Structures are given as C-alpha cells and as structure tokens.
Amino acid sequence: VIEGNYSRCLPQRLERATGIILLDASTLTSLLRYFQRCWFQRNRHGALEGGIDRVNWLMIHHIAVVTPASRKRYAAMFADIALPKIKLATARELN
C-alpha cells in the first residue's frame, strides 16, 4: 500500500503497483470531512498519538485551491492506467 500525493514519484510507484484506488472527493466533501475531523473526531483511527487536529487556513487553501487542479490531473492519468482500478468519488463511497 502506498498512500499520499507524491506526483514526482508516481511513475516509479505505478511500475510496482498491482492496482489503483483513486480518492476523488469533491472540494465541498473534502472541506466538510476536514472540519468534521478537526472539530468532532477526537479519537480517530490513524491519528498521531498526542496530535490535535486544528482548522488552519493553509489546509483550507490546499483543499479549496490546490486540490481541484490535482483532481483533474489524476483523473486524466487514471483513465490511461491499465491496472485494476477503482475510483471513489462520493462521501458514501469514501465511507
């Protein structure tokens, strides 16, 4: 399992991959999930021990401004990948 958004390493990672899962949540879904995580999920799976999630403008900017361009780029790449793949785009699918 390789998780993350490291575009520079993607070609090497795809060479070794056996399948692809594209998380393609809308900007609104991403923002809502971010606020929910910061404000209501105090003991969530995957959280760093002792870490506290806080809403900050840099993350809001990343979700609202940077991510939409990345979503377009990854959607185009996803269409060309011949590996087994699945795209999760709705809140229900992500859950």
C-alpha atoms as a PDB file:
ATOM      1  CA  VAL A   1       0.000   0.000   0.000  1.00  0.00           C
ATOM      2  CA  ILE A   2       1.315   3.393  -0.975  1.00  0.00           C
ATOM      3  CA  GLU A   3      -0.607   6.372   0.247  1.00  0.00           C
ATOM      4  CA  GLY A   4      -0.087  10.006  -0.446  1.00  0.00           C
ATOM      5  CA  ASN A   5       0.180  12.574  -3.123  1.00  0.00           C
ATOM      6  CA  TYR A   6       3.778  12.431  -4.297  1.00  0.00           C
ATOM      7  CA  SER A   7       3.477  13.181  -8.004  1.00  0.00           C
ATOM      8  CA  ARG A   8       7.196  13.171  -8.709  1.00  0.00           C
ATOM      9  CA  CYS A   9       7.459   9.532  -7.653  1.00  0.00           C
ATOM     10  CA  LEU A  10       4.251   8.365  -9.319  1.00  0.00           C
ATOM     11  CA  PRO A  11       5.797   6.724 -12.415  1.00  0.00           C
ATOM     12  CA  GLN A  12       8.109   4.576 -10.264  1.00  0.00           C
ATOM     13  CA  ARG A  13       5.270   3.758  -7.897  1.00  0.00           C
ATOM     14  CA  LEU A  14       2.955   2.720 -10.733  1.00  0.00           C
ATOM     15  CA  GLU A  15       5.611   0.325 -12.071  1.00  0.00           C
ATOM     16  CA  ARG A  16       5.364  -1.635  -8.819  1.00  0.00           C
ATOM     17  CA  ALA A  17       1.633  -1.243  -8.191  1.00  0.00           C
ATOM     18  CA  THR A  18      -0.832  -4.100  -8.541  1.00  0.00           C
ATOM     19  CA  GLY A  19      -3.884  -1.839  -8.503  1.00  0.00           C
ATOM     20  CA  ILE A  20      -5.022   1.757  -8.034  1.00  0.00           C
ATOM     21  CA  ILE A  21      -7.603   3.365  -5.768  1.00  0.00           C
ATOM     22  CA  LEU A  22      -8.331   6.982  -6.710  1.00  0.00           C
ATOM     23  CA  LEU A  23      -9.933   9.045  -3.948  1.00  0.00           C
ATOM     24  CA  ASP A  24     -11.675  11.785  -5.904  1.00  0.00           C
ATOM     25  CA  ALA A  25     -13.832  13.623  -3.370  1.00  0.00           C
ATOM     26  CA  SER A  26     -15.325  16.956  -4.361  1.00  0.00           C
ATOM     27  CA  THR A  27     -13.979  20.136  -2.806  1.00  0.00           C
ATOM     28  CA  LEU A  28     -17.114  20.515  -0.684  1.00  0.00           C
ATOM     29  CA  THR A  29     -16.901  16.922   0.564  1.00  0.00           C
ATOM     30  CA  SER A  30     -13.210  17.359   1.375  1.00  0.00           C
ATOM     31  CA  LEU A  31     -13.822  20.580   3.300  1.00  0.00           C
ATOM     32  CA  LEU A  32     -16.722  19.093   5.256  1.00  0.00           C
ATOM     33  CA  ARG A  33     -14.694  15.995   6.155  1.00  0.00           C
ATOM     34  CA  TYR A  34     -11.759  18.189   7.201  1.00  0.00           C
ATOM     35  CA  PHE A  35     -13.936  20.307   9.516  1.00  0.00           C
ATOM     36  CA  GLN A  36     -15.602  17.220  10.946  1.00  0.00           C
ATOM     37  CA  ARG A  37     -12.219  15.605  11.641  1.00  0.00           C
ATOM     38  CA  CYS A  38     -10.866  18.738  13.339  1.00  0.00           C
ATOM     39  CA  TRP A  39     -13.925  19.612  15.396  1.00  0.00           C
ATOM     40  CA  PHE A  40     -15.621  16.324  16.228  1.00  0.00           C
ATOM     41  CA  GLN A  41     -13.310  13.307  15.816  1.00  0.00           C
ATOM     42  CA  ARG A  42     -11.042  13.482  18.841  1.00  0.00           C
ATOM     43  CA  ASN A  43     -10.052   9.798  18.882  1.00  0.00           C
ATOM     44  CA  ARG A  44      -9.946   8.831  15.238  1.00  0.00           C
ATOM     45  CA  HIS A  45      -8.148   5.904  13.613  1.00  0.00           C
ATOM     46  CA  GLY A  46      -4.853   6.910  12.040  1.00  0.00           C
ATOM     47  CA  ALA A  47      -4.342   9.973  14.238  1.00  0.00           C
ATOM     48  CA  LEU A  48      -0.854  10.544  15.577  1.00  0.00           C
ATOM     49  CA  GLU A  49      -0.536   9.932  19.298  1.00  0.00           C
ATOM     50  CA  GLY A  50      -0.776  13.250  21.116  1.00  0.00           C
ATOM     51  CA  GLY A  51      -1.656  15.082  17.899  1.00  0.00           C
ATOM     52  CA  ILE A  52      -4.555  17.511  17.810  1.00  0.00           C
ATOM     53  CA  ASP A  53      -6.246  18.347  14.518  1.00  0.00           C
ATOM     54  CA  ARG A  54      -6.939  22.069  14.179  1.00  0.00           C
ATOM     55  CA  VAL A  55      -8.539  24.012  11.364  1.00  0.00           C
ATOM     56  CA  ASN A  56      -5.976  26.209   9.644  1.00  0.00           C
ATOM     57  CA  TRP A  57      -6.040  28.452   6.593  1.00  0.00           C
ATOM     58  CA  LEU A  58      -3.170  26.676   4.843  1.00  0.00           C
ATOM     59  CA  MET A  59      -5.125  23.420   4.781  1.00  0.00           C
ATOM     60  CA  ILE A  60      -8.326  25.171   3.689  1.00  0.00           C
ATOM     61  CA  HIS A  61      -6.355  26.818   0.868  1.00  0.00           C
ATOM     62  CA  HIS A  62      -4.839  23.477  -0.117  1.00  0.00           C
ATOM     63  CA  ILE A  63      -8.244  21.764  -0.254  1.00  0.00           C
ATOM     64  CA  ALA A  64     -10.055  24.639  -1.992  1.00  0.00           C
ATOM     65  CA  VAL A  65      -7.356  25.915  -4.400  1.00  0.00           C
ATOM     66  CA  VAL A  66      -4.575  23.356  -4.926  1.00  0.00           C
ATOM     67  CA  THR A  67      -6.532  20.102  -4.889  1.00  0.00           C
ATOM     68  CA  PRO A  68      -9.007  20.876  -7.730  1.00  0.00           C
ATOM     69  CA  ALA A  69      -6.156  21.149 -10.250  1.00  0.00           C
ATOM     70  CA  SER A  70      -4.644  17.925  -8.932  1.00  0.00           C
ATOM     71  CA  ARG A  71      -8.002  16.166  -9.229  1.00  0.00           C
ATOM     72  CA  LYS A  72      -8.129  16.989 -12.949  1.00  0.00           C
ATOM     73  CA  ARG A  73      -4.581  15.759 -13.495  1.00  0.00           C
ATOM     74  CA  TYR A  74      -5.170  12.499 -11.603  1.00  0.00           C
ATOM     75  CA  ALA A  75      -8.477  11.864 -13.415  1.00  0.00           C
ATOM     76  CA  ALA A  76      -6.645  12.073 -16.741  1.00  0.00           C
ATOM     77  CA  MET A  77      -3.891   9.731 -15.518  1.00  0.00           C
ATOM     78  CA  PHE A  78      -6.430   7.315 -14.059  1.00  0.00           C
ATOM     79  CA  ALA A  79      -8.133   6.917 -17.434  1.00  0.00           C
ATOM     80  CA  ASP A  80      -4.842   5.780 -19.009  1.00  0.00           C
ATOM     81  CA  ILE A  81      -3.799   3.282 -16.316  1.00  0.00           C
ATOM     82  CA  ALA A  82      -4.217  -0.352 -17.355  1.00  0.00           C
ATOM     83  CA  LEU A  83      -4.006  -1.798 -13.820  1.00  0.00           C
ATOM     84  CA  PRO A  84      -7.071  -2.942 -11.864  1.00  0.00           C
ATOM     85  CA  LYS A  85      -8.580   0.264 -10.533  1.00  0.00           C
ATOM     86  CA  ILE A  86     -11.463   1.828  -8.676  1.00  0.00           C
ATOM     87  CA  LYS A  87     -12.480   5.446  -8.243  1.00  0.00           C
ATOM     88  CA  LEU A  88     -14.190   6.596  -5.031  1.00  0.00           C
ATOM     89  CA  ALA A  89     -15.823   9.975  -5.526  1.00  0.00           C
ATOM     90  CA  THR A  90     -18.854  10.318  -3.268  1.00  0.00           C
ATOM     91  CA  ALA A  91     -18.986  10.622   0.507  1.00  0.00           C
ATOM     92  CA  ARG A  92     -20.824   7.297   0.634  1.00  0.00           C
ATOM     93  CA  GLU A  93     -18.114   5.567  -1.398  1.00  0.00           C
ATOM     94  CA  LEU A  94     -15.373   7.084   0.755  1.00  0.00           C
ATOM     95  CA  ASN A  95     -17.097   5.912   3.935  1.00  0.00           C
END
